[in-house]
Amino acid sequence: MKCNRLLLACILLLGFSVKVSAQSDDDAIKETLYNYLDGGAAGDSAKLNRAFHYAANLRSLSNGRIAEIPVKKFIASVPAGGAKWKSNIVSYSYAGTAGTAVTEEEFDTFKYVDFLNLLKINGEWKIVSRVFSKVDKGTLVAANGITAPAAGTLKAGNTPAGKKPAAKPKPSDDGW
């Protein structure tokens, strides 16, 4: 009887810890995003360093070419009093140890839209990539409205019904 109670208690605790873990990932991702947004707005390099992985890359287009900014240079360039932006988390999603988020940072005459990639590294969510664009303040982030399929409904390929798939290319050795 004692063994059954102990087993039941372990099962209940395990179920509770799974639910808590999912909630804590949610909170941890939002904390990482707010460390970035609030840190940039206030000029708080400690918050920015907590948000970004030290090897993160930041990219955008400049004069039609990809421009890359090292994360340390980005953090060092934030004004001492902060960037004085109004920010917003547009969306985020995650599965396992990978996540993605869209944020906006609005200034007086324009805004930045960021597409952020995150990884859960040693139990902490970190921004590992920021791809961003400077846009007019009124520009809305376009979304396709596609939602994740229900478990077990994934099918091979993405060919619409009624169309024949294209001929398969010769196998390559690029990891795909």
N, C-alpha and C. Protein backbone atom coordinates (compact mmCIF):
# COMPACT_ATOMS: atom_id res chain seq x y z
N MET A 1 0.83 -1.20 0.00
CA MET A 1 0.00 0.00 0.00
C MET A 1 0.87 1.26 0.00
N LYS A 2 1.94 1.25 0.86
CA LYS A 2 2.84 2.40 0.88
C LYS A 2 3.52 2.58 -0.47
N CYS A 3 3.87 1.48 -1.08
CA CYS A 3 4.54 1.53 -2.38
C CYS A 3 3.62 2.15 -3.44
N ASN A 4 2.31 1.80 -3.41
CA ASN A 4 1.35 2.37 -4.35
C ASN A 4 1.20 3.88 -4.16
N ARG A 5 1.16 4.32 -2.89
CA ARG A 5 1.05 5.75 -2.62
C ARG A 5 2.29 6.50 -3.10
N LEU A 6 3.44 5.91 -2.87
CA LEU A 6 4.68 6.53 -3.31
C LEU A 6 4.72 6.62 -4.83
N LEU A 7 4.31 5.56 -5.50
CA LEU A 7 4.26 5.55 -6.96
C LEU A 7 3.29 6.61 -7.48
N LEU A 8 2.11 6.70 -6.88
CA LEU A 8 1.12 7.70 -7.26
C LEU A 8 1.65 9.11 -7.05
N ALA A 9 2.33 9.35 -5.94
CA ALA A 9 2.90 10.66 -5.66
C ALA A 9 3.96 11.02 -6.71
N CYS A 10 4.79 10.06 -7.08
CA CYS A 10 5.82 10.31 -8.10
C CYS A 10 5.19 10.65 -9.45
N ILE A 11 4.15 9.93 -9.82
CA ILE A 11 3.47 10.18 -11.10
C ILE A 11 2.85 11.58 -11.10
N LEU A 12 2.21 11.95 -9.99
CA LEU A 12 1.60 13.28 -9.90
C LEU A 12 2.65 14.37 -9.97
N LEU A 13 3.77 14.18 -9.28
CA LEU A 13 4.84 15.17 -9.31
C LEU A 13 5.45 15.29 -10.71
N LEU A 14 5.61 14.17 -11.38
CA LEU A 14 6.15 14.18 -12.73
C LEU A 14 5.23 14.95 -13.67
N GLY A 15 3.95 14.70 -13.58
CA GLY A 15 2.97 15.42 -14.40
C GLY A 15 2.98 16.90 -14.10
N PHE A 16 3.10 17.28 -12.84
CA PHE A 16 3.16 18.68 -12.45
C PHE A 16 4.42 19.33 -12.97
N SER A 17 5.55 18.63 -12.89
CA SER A 17 6.81 19.23 -13.33
C SER A 17 6.82 19.45 -14.83
N VAL A 18 6.17 18.60 -15.63
CA VAL A 18 6.10 18.80 -17.07
C VAL A 18 5.31 20.07 -17.36
N LYS A 19 4.19 20.29 -16.68
CA LYS A 19 3.39 21.48 -16.88
C LYS A 19 4.17 22.73 -16.45
N VAL A 20 4.86 22.66 -15.32
CA VAL A 20 5.65 23.78 -14.85
C VAL A 20 6.77 24.09 -15.83
N SER A 21 7.40 23.06 -16.39
CA SER A 21 8.49 23.24 -17.34
C SER A 21 8.01 23.99 -18.57
N ALA A 22 6.85 23.62 -19.11
CA ALA A 22 6.32 24.30 -20.29
C ALA A 22 6.03 25.76 -19.96
N GLN A 23 5.47 26.02 -18.80
CA GLN A 23 5.19 27.39 -18.39
C GLN A 23 6.49 28.16 -18.19
N SER A 24 7.48 27.52 -17.61
CA SER A 24 8.73 28.24 -17.36
C SER A 24 9.46 28.55 -18.67
N ASP A 25 9.34 27.71 -19.70
CA ASP A 25 9.91 28.04 -21.01
C ASP A 25 9.23 29.28 -21.57
N ASP A 26 7.91 29.33 -21.45
CA ASP A 26 7.15 30.50 -21.90
C ASP A 26 7.66 31.76 -21.20
N ASP A 27 7.73 31.70 -19.88
CA ASP A 27 8.20 32.84 -19.10
C ASP A 27 9.65 33.19 -19.42
N ALA A 28 10.49 32.17 -19.59
CA ALA A 28 11.91 32.41 -19.86
C ALA A 28 12.12 33.07 -21.22
N ILE A 29 11.34 32.68 -22.22
CA ILE A 29 11.45 33.31 -23.53
C ILE A 29 11.02 34.77 -23.44
N LYS A 30 9.90 35.04 -22.78
CA LYS A 30 9.45 36.42 -22.62
C LYS A 30 10.47 37.24 -21.83
N GLU A 31 11.07 36.64 -20.81
CA GLU A 31 12.10 37.34 -20.04
C GLU A 31 13.29 37.71 -20.93
N THR A 32 13.72 36.79 -21.78
CA THR A 32 14.81 37.06 -22.71
C THR A 32 14.44 38.20 -23.65
N LEU A 33 13.23 38.16 -24.20
CA LEU A 33 12.79 39.21 -25.13
C LEU A 33 12.70 40.56 -24.42
N TYR A 34 12.18 40.57 -23.20
CA TYR A 34 12.08 41.83 -22.45
C TYR A 34 13.46 42.33 -22.02
N ASN A 35 14.40 41.42 -21.74
CA ASN A 35 15.77 41.87 -21.46
C ASN A 35 16.33 42.63 -22.65
N TYR A 36 16.06 42.13 -23.85
CA TYR A 36 16.50 42.82 -25.07
C TYR A 36 15.77 44.16 -25.23
N LEU A 37 14.44 44.13 -25.20
CA LEU A 37 13.67 45.34 -25.47
C LEU A 37 13.87 46.41 -24.38
N ASP A 38 13.78 46.00 -23.13
CA ASP A 38 13.96 46.96 -22.03
C ASP A 38 15.41 47.41 -21.91
N GLY A 39 16.34 46.47 -22.14
CA GLY A 39 17.76 46.82 -22.08
C GLY A 39 18.14 47.84 -23.14
N GLY A 40 17.60 47.67 -24.35
CA GLY A 40 17.87 48.63 -25.41
C GLY A 40 17.24 49.98 -25.14
N ALA A 41 16.02 49.98 -24.62
CA ALA A 41 15.31 51.23 -24.33
C ALA A 41 15.98 52.02 -23.22
N ALA A 42 16.58 51.32 -22.25
CA ALA A 42 17.18 51.98 -21.10
C ALA A 42 18.71 52.12 -21.20
N GLY A 43 19.31 51.50 -22.20
CA GLY A 43 20.76 51.52 -22.31
C GLY A 43 21.43 50.63 -21.28
N ASP A 44 20.75 49.54 -20.91
CA ASP A 44 21.24 48.62 -19.88
C ASP A 44 21.98 47.46 -20.55
N SER A 45 23.31 47.57 -20.61
CA SER A 45 24.10 46.54 -21.30
C SER A 45 24.04 45.20 -20.58
N ALA A 46 23.83 45.19 -19.27
CA ALA A 46 23.72 43.92 -18.54
C ALA A 46 22.50 43.14 -19.02
N LYS A 47 21.38 43.82 -19.21
CA LYS A 47 20.16 43.15 -19.72
C LYS A 47 20.38 42.66 -21.15
N LEU A 48 21.01 43.49 -21.96
CA LEU A 48 21.28 43.09 -23.34
C LEU A 48 22.19 41.87 -23.39
N ASN A 49 23.20 41.84 -22.54
CA ASN A 49 24.10 40.68 -22.48
C ASN A 49 23.39 39.43 -21.99
N ARG A 50 22.37 39.59 -21.13
CA ARG A 50 21.58 38.43 -20.69
C ARG A 50 20.69 37.92 -21.82
N ALA A 51 20.26 38.81 -22.71
CA ALA A 51 19.35 38.43 -23.80
C ALA A 51 20.07 37.72 -24.94
N PHE A 52 21.26 38.20 -25.30
CA PHE A 52 21.97 37.69 -26.48
C PHE A 52 23.04 36.68 -26.11
N HIS A 53 23.17 35.65 -26.92
CA HIS A 53 24.32 34.75 -26.81
C HIS A 53 25.54 35.53 -27.30
N TYR A 54 26.69 35.28 -26.71
CA TYR A 54 27.89 36.04 -27.06
C TYR A 54 28.28 35.89 -28.53
N ALA A 55 27.85 34.81 -29.18
CA ALA A 55 28.20 34.60 -30.59
C ALA A 55 27.04 34.94 -31.53
N ALA A 56 26.03 35.64 -31.03
CA ALA A 56 24.87 35.99 -31.86
C ALA A 56 25.29 36.84 -33.05
N ASN A 57 24.53 36.69 -34.14
CA ASN A 57 24.78 37.55 -35.30
C ASN A 57 23.56 38.44 -35.54
N LEU A 58 23.82 39.65 -36.00
CA LEU A 58 22.77 40.63 -36.29
C LEU A 58 22.95 41.04 -37.74
N ARG A 59 21.89 40.88 -38.53
CA ARG A 59 22.01 41.15 -39.96
C ARG A 59 20.84 41.99 -40.47
N SER A 60 21.16 42.79 -41.49
CA SER A 60 20.14 43.55 -42.21
C SER A 60 20.69 43.83 -43.60
N LEU A 61 19.92 44.56 -44.39
CA LEU A 61 20.39 44.99 -45.70
C LEU A 61 20.81 46.44 -45.63
N SER A 62 21.94 46.73 -46.22
CA SER A 62 22.43 48.10 -46.31
C SER A 62 22.92 48.31 -47.74
N ASN A 63 22.26 49.21 -48.45
CA ASN A 63 22.59 49.48 -49.86
C ASN A 63 22.58 48.20 -50.69
N GLY A 64 21.60 47.33 -50.44
CA GLY A 64 21.44 46.11 -51.21
C GLY A 64 22.38 44.98 -50.83
N ARG A 65 23.18 45.18 -49.81
CA ARG A 65 24.13 44.14 -49.38
C ARG A 65 23.83 43.74 -47.94
N ILE A 66 24.14 42.50 -47.64
CA ILE A 66 23.95 42.02 -46.26
C ILE A 66 24.99 42.69 -45.37
N ALA A 67 24.51 43.33 -44.32
CA ALA A 67 25.39 43.96 -43.34
C ALA A 67 25.30 43.14 -42.05
N GLU A 68 26.44 42.80 -41.50
CA GLU A 68 26.48 42.03 -40.26
C GLU A 68 27.12 42.87 -39.16
N ILE A 69 26.47 42.88 -38.01
CA ILE A 69 26.96 43.63 -36.86
C ILE A 69 27.26 42.64 -35.74
N PRO A 70 28.47 42.60 -35.24
CA PRO A 70 28.76 41.72 -34.09
C PRO A 70 27.94 42.17 -32.88
N VAL A 71 27.45 41.23 -32.11
CA VAL A 71 26.57 41.57 -30.99
C VAL A 71 27.26 42.49 -29.99
N LYS A 72 28.54 42.30 -29.75
CA LYS A 72 29.26 43.16 -28.79
C LYS A 72 29.28 44.61 -29.29
N LYS A 73 29.46 44.79 -30.61
CA LYS A 73 29.46 46.15 -31.18
C LYS A 73 28.06 46.76 -31.05
N PHE A 74 27.03 45.95 -31.30
CA PHE A 74 25.65 46.44 -31.18
C PHE A 74 25.38 46.90 -29.75
N ILE A 75 25.74 46.08 -28.77
CA ILE A 75 25.48 46.43 -27.37
C ILE A 75 26.27 47.68 -26.98
N ALA A 76 27.51 47.77 -27.43
CA ALA A 76 28.34 48.93 -27.12
C ALA A 76 27.81 50.21 -27.78
N SER A 77 27.07 50.07 -28.87
CA SER A 77 26.58 51.26 -29.59
C SER A 77 25.25 51.78 -29.04
N VAL A 78 24.62 51.05 -28.12
CA VAL A 78 23.36 51.54 -27.54
C VAL A 78 23.68 52.78 -26.70
N PRO A 79 22.97 53.88 -26.92
CA PRO A 79 23.27 55.11 -26.18
C PRO A 79 23.18 54.90 -24.66
N ALA A 80 24.00 55.62 -23.92
CA ALA A 80 24.06 55.47 -22.45
C ALA A 80 22.68 55.65 -21.81
N GLY A 81 21.89 56.57 -22.30
CA GLY A 81 20.55 56.79 -21.75
C GLY A 81 19.50 55.89 -22.36
N GLY A 82 19.90 55.04 -23.29
CA GLY A 82 18.96 54.14 -23.95
C GLY A 82 18.53 54.64 -25.31
N ALA A 83 17.94 53.77 -26.07
CA ALA A 83 17.51 54.09 -27.42
C ALA A 83 16.16 54.82 -27.43
N LYS A 84 15.50 54.87 -26.31
CA LYS A 84 14.22 55.59 -26.18
C LYS A 84 13.18 55.12 -27.19
N TRP A 85 13.06 53.83 -27.34
CA TRP A 85 12.06 53.29 -28.24
C TRP A 85 10.86 52.78 -27.46
N LYS A 86 9.74 52.66 -28.16
CA LYS A 86 8.57 51.97 -27.64
C LYS A 86 8.60 50.60 -28.30
N SER A 87 8.49 49.55 -27.50
CA SER A 87 8.66 48.22 -28.08
C SER A 87 7.44 47.35 -27.86
N ASN A 88 7.42 46.28 -28.64
CA ASN A 88 6.30 45.37 -28.62
C ASN A 88 6.77 43.98 -29.06
N ILE A 89 6.33 42.95 -28.35
CA ILE A 89 6.52 41.58 -28.82
C ILE A 89 5.32 41.28 -29.70
N VAL A 90 5.55 41.08 -30.99
CA VAL A 90 4.47 40.80 -31.93
C VAL A 90 4.03 39.35 -31.79
N SER A 91 5.02 38.43 -31.74
CA SER A 91 4.70 37.01 -31.61
C SER A 91 5.96 36.25 -31.21
N TYR A 92 5.74 35.04 -30.72
CA TYR A 92 6.85 34.12 -30.50
C TYR A 92 6.31 32.71 -30.50
N SER A 93 7.18 31.76 -30.82
CA SER A 93 6.80 30.35 -30.78
C SER A 93 8.07 29.55 -30.52
N TYR A 94 7.88 28.33 -30.03
CA TYR A 94 9.04 27.49 -29.74
C TYR A 94 8.62 26.02 -29.71
N ALA A 95 9.61 25.17 -29.88
CA ALA A 95 9.44 23.73 -29.75
C ALA A 95 10.80 23.17 -29.34
N GLY A 96 10.82 22.37 -28.32
CA GLY A 96 12.08 21.81 -27.86
C GLY A 96 13.03 22.90 -27.41
N THR A 97 14.19 22.97 -28.05
CA THR A 97 15.20 23.95 -27.66
C THR A 97 15.36 25.10 -28.66
N ALA A 98 14.42 25.22 -29.61
CA ALA A 98 14.50 26.27 -30.62
C ALA A 98 13.25 27.13 -30.58
N GLY A 99 13.44 28.42 -30.81
CA GLY A 99 12.30 29.32 -30.82
C GLY A 99 12.53 30.48 -31.77
N THR A 100 11.47 31.19 -32.05
CA THR A 100 11.53 32.36 -32.93
C THR A 100 10.59 33.42 -32.39
N ALA A 101 10.92 34.68 -32.63
CA ALA A 101 10.08 35.78 -32.15
C ALA A 101 10.14 36.93 -33.14
N VAL A 102 9.09 37.74 -33.14
CA VAL A 102 9.05 38.97 -33.92
C VAL A 102 8.79 40.10 -32.93
N THR A 103 9.64 41.13 -32.99
CA THR A 103 9.47 42.29 -32.12
C THR A 103 9.51 43.56 -32.96
N GLU A 104 8.99 44.64 -32.38
CA GLU A 104 9.04 45.96 -33.02
C GLU A 104 9.61 46.96 -32.02
N GLU A 105 10.46 47.87 -32.54
CA GLU A 105 10.99 48.96 -31.75
C GLU A 105 10.68 50.26 -32.49
N GLU A 106 9.79 51.05 -31.93
CA GLU A 106 9.29 52.25 -32.61
C GLU A 106 9.98 53.51 -32.10
N PHE A 107 10.43 54.32 -33.05
CA PHE A 107 11.02 55.63 -32.77
C PHE A 107 10.06 56.71 -33.27
N ASP A 108 10.48 57.96 -33.24
CA ASP A 108 9.59 59.06 -33.65
C ASP A 108 9.11 58.94 -35.09
N THR A 109 10.00 58.59 -36.01
CA THR A 109 9.65 58.65 -37.43
C THR A 109 9.71 57.30 -38.15
N PHE A 110 10.14 56.24 -37.49
CA PHE A 110 10.28 54.92 -38.12
C PHE A 110 10.25 53.86 -37.03
N LYS A 111 10.33 52.60 -37.46
CA LYS A 111 10.48 51.51 -36.49
C LYS A 111 11.35 50.41 -37.09
N TYR A 112 11.91 49.61 -36.21
CA TYR A 112 12.61 48.40 -36.61
C TYR A 112 11.69 47.22 -36.36
N VAL A 113 11.70 46.28 -37.28
CA VAL A 113 11.02 45.00 -37.07
C VAL A 113 12.13 43.96 -37.01
N ASP A 114 12.15 43.21 -35.91
CA ASP A 114 13.17 42.19 -35.69
C ASP A 114 12.58 40.80 -35.83
N PHE A 115 13.30 39.94 -36.49
CA PHE A 115 12.99 38.52 -36.56
C PHE A 115 14.11 37.83 -35.81
N LEU A 116 13.78 37.31 -34.63
CA LEU A 116 14.79 36.78 -33.72
C LEU A 116 14.71 35.26 -33.66
N ASN A 117 15.87 34.62 -33.65
CA ASN A 117 15.94 33.18 -33.41
C ASN A 117 16.56 32.96 -32.04
N LEU A 118 15.97 32.04 -31.29
CA LEU A 118 16.45 31.74 -29.94
C LEU A 118 16.78 30.26 -29.82
N LEU A 119 17.73 29.97 -28.94
CA LEU A 119 18.05 28.60 -28.57
C LEU A 119 18.10 28.50 -27.05
N LYS A 120 17.67 27.36 -26.55
CA LYS A 120 17.76 27.11 -25.11
C LYS A 120 19.11 26.44 -24.88
N ILE A 121 20.04 27.22 -24.33
CA ILE A 121 21.42 26.78 -24.14
C ILE A 121 21.68 26.64 -22.64
N ASN A 122 22.04 25.44 -22.22
CA ASN A 122 22.29 25.19 -20.79
C ASN A 122 21.13 25.68 -19.92
N GLY A 123 19.90 25.45 -20.40
CA GLY A 123 18.72 25.79 -19.63
C GLY A 123 18.28 27.24 -19.74
N GLU A 124 18.98 28.07 -20.52
CA GLU A 124 18.63 29.48 -20.67
C GLU A 124 18.32 29.81 -22.13
N TRP A 125 17.24 30.55 -22.36
CA TRP A 125 16.90 30.99 -23.71
C TRP A 125 17.74 32.20 -24.07
N LYS A 126 18.42 32.13 -25.22
CA LYS A 126 19.28 33.21 -25.69
C LYS A 126 18.94 33.54 -27.14
N ILE A 127 19.01 34.82 -27.48
CA ILE A 127 18.86 35.24 -28.87
C ILE A 127 20.19 34.92 -29.57
N VAL A 128 20.12 34.12 -30.62
CA VAL A 128 21.33 33.75 -31.35
C VAL A 128 21.41 34.42 -32.72
N SER A 129 20.28 35.01 -33.16
CA SER A 129 20.26 35.65 -34.46
C SER A 129 19.19 36.73 -34.47
N ARG A 130 19.54 37.89 -35.02
CA ARG A 130 18.59 38.99 -35.20
C ARG A 130 18.70 39.44 -36.65
N VAL A 131 17.62 39.29 -37.40
CA VAL A 131 17.53 39.83 -38.75
C VAL A 131 16.49 40.93 -38.66
N PHE A 132 16.83 42.14 -39.10
CA PHE A 132 15.95 43.27 -38.86
C PHE A 132 15.83 44.16 -40.08
N SER A 133 14.75 44.95 -40.07
CA SER A 133 14.50 45.88 -41.15
C SER A 133 13.97 47.18 -40.58
N LYS A 134 14.44 48.29 -41.12
CA LYS A 134 13.93 49.61 -40.76
C LYS A 134 12.77 49.91 -41.69
N VAL A 135 11.60 50.20 -41.12
CA VAL A 135 10.39 50.40 -41.93
C VAL A 135 9.64 51.64 -41.44
N ASP A 136 8.65 52.08 -42.23
CA ASP A 136 7.78 53.17 -41.81
C ASP A 136 7.00 52.75 -40.57
N LYS A 137 6.65 53.72 -39.73
CA LYS A 137 5.93 53.42 -38.49
C LYS A 137 4.64 52.65 -38.73
N GLY A 138 3.93 52.93 -39.80
CA GLY A 138 2.65 52.30 -40.05
C GLY A 138 2.72 50.91 -40.67
N THR A 139 3.92 50.44 -40.97
CA THR A 139 4.08 49.13 -41.60
C THR A 139 3.69 48.02 -40.63
N LEU A 140 2.84 47.12 -41.10
CA LEU A 140 2.43 45.99 -40.28
C LEU A 140 3.24 44.76 -40.66
N VAL A 141 3.48 43.91 -39.69
CA VAL A 141 4.18 42.65 -39.95
C VAL A 141 3.20 41.72 -40.65
N ALA A 142 3.59 41.24 -41.83
CA ALA A 142 2.74 40.32 -42.58
C ALA A 142 2.89 38.92 -42.01
N ALA A 143 1.78 38.23 -41.90
CA ALA A 143 1.78 36.84 -41.42
C ALA A 143 0.96 36.01 -42.40
N ASN A 144 1.35 34.76 -42.56
CA ASN A 144 0.65 33.92 -43.54
C ASN A 144 -0.55 33.20 -42.96
N GLY A 145 -0.70 33.17 -41.67
CA GLY A 145 -1.85 32.53 -41.06
C GLY A 145 -1.81 31.02 -41.04
N ILE A 146 -0.70 30.43 -41.42
CA ILE A 146 -0.59 28.97 -41.37
C ILE A 146 -0.37 28.55 -39.93
N THR A 147 -1.11 27.56 -39.49
CA THR A 147 -0.94 27.05 -38.14
C THR A 147 -0.31 25.67 -38.21
N ALA A 148 0.26 25.25 -37.11
CA ALA A 148 0.90 23.94 -37.06
C ALA A 148 -0.14 22.84 -37.24
N PRO A 149 0.19 21.81 -38.01
CA PRO A 149 -0.75 20.70 -38.20
C PRO A 149 -0.89 19.89 -36.91
N ALA A 150 -2.00 19.22 -36.78
CA ALA A 150 -2.22 18.35 -35.62
C ALA A 150 -1.20 17.21 -35.66
N ALA A 151 -0.88 16.70 -34.49
CA ALA A 151 0.09 15.61 -34.39
C ALA A 151 -0.35 14.44 -35.28
N GLY A 152 0.61 13.89 -36.00
CA GLY A 152 0.33 12.72 -36.83
C GLY A 152 -0.25 13.04 -38.19
N THR A 153 -0.39 14.34 -38.55
CA THR A 153 -1.00 14.67 -39.84
C THR A 153 0.01 15.18 -40.85
N LEU A 154 1.28 15.21 -40.51
CA LEU A 154 2.29 15.66 -41.46
C LEU A 154 2.39 14.68 -42.61
N LYS A 155 2.59 15.20 -43.81
CA LYS A 155 2.73 14.37 -45.00
C LYS A 155 4.04 14.73 -45.68
N ALA A 156 4.56 13.80 -46.42
CA ALA A 156 5.81 14.03 -47.13
C ALA A 156 5.59 15.08 -48.21
N GLY A 157 6.50 16.03 -48.32
CA GLY A 157 6.43 17.04 -49.37
C GLY A 157 5.39 18.10 -49.11
N ASN A 158 5.34 19.08 -49.99
CA ASN A 158 4.40 20.18 -49.87
C ASN A 158 3.66 20.42 -51.18
N THR A 159 3.45 19.37 -51.95
CA THR A 159 2.82 19.52 -53.25
C THR A 159 1.31 19.66 -53.08
N PRO A 160 0.72 20.73 -53.63
CA PRO A 160 -0.74 20.88 -53.55
C PRO A 160 -1.44 19.71 -54.25
N ALA A 161 -2.63 19.41 -53.76
CA ALA A 161 -3.41 18.30 -54.34
C ALA A 161 -3.63 18.54 -55.83
N GLY A 162 -3.52 17.48 -56.62
CA GLY A 162 -3.78 17.56 -58.05
C GLY A 162 -2.57 17.93 -58.88
N LYS A 163 -1.45 18.25 -58.27
CA LYS A 163 -0.25 18.60 -59.02
C LYS A 163 0.78 17.51 -58.84
N LYS A 164 1.50 17.25 -59.90
CA LYS A 164 2.56 16.26 -59.82
C LYS A 164 3.80 16.92 -59.24
N PRO A 165 4.50 16.21 -58.35
CA PRO A 165 5.74 16.80 -57.82
C PRO A 165 6.79 16.90 -58.91
N ALA A 166 7.67 17.88 -58.77
CA ALA A 166 8.77 18.07 -59.72
C ALA A 166 9.73 16.90 -59.60
N ALA A 167 10.47 16.67 -60.65
CA ALA A 167 11.46 15.60 -60.63
C ALA A 167 12.46 15.85 -59.51
N LYS A 168 12.84 14.78 -58.84
CA LYS A 168 13.77 14.92 -57.73
C LYS A 168 15.18 15.19 -58.26
N PRO A 169 15.86 16.19 -57.66
CA PRO A 169 17.23 16.46 -58.09
C PRO A 169 18.16 15.35 -57.62
N LYS A 170 19.34 15.30 -58.24
CA LYS A 170 20.33 14.31 -57.83
C LYS A 170 20.72 14.58 -56.38
N PRO A 171 20.95 13.51 -55.61
CA PRO A 171 21.35 13.70 -54.21
C PRO A 171 22.64 14.51 -54.11
N SER A 172 22.71 15.36 -53.11
CA SER A 172 23.93 16.12 -52.89
C SER A 172 24.47 15.78 -51.52
N ASP A 173 25.63 16.26 -51.23
CA ASP A 173 26.27 15.97 -49.95
C ASP A 173 26.29 17.22 -49.09
N ASP A 174 25.18 17.99 -49.10
CA ASP A 174 25.16 19.25 -48.34
C ASP A 174 24.42 19.11 -47.01
N GLY A 175 24.11 17.91 -46.60
CA GLY A 175 23.42 17.70 -45.32
C GLY A 175 21.92 17.62 -45.44
N TRP A 176 21.39 17.87 -46.63
CA TRP A 176 19.94 17.79 -46.82
C TRP A 176 19.66 16.61 -47.69
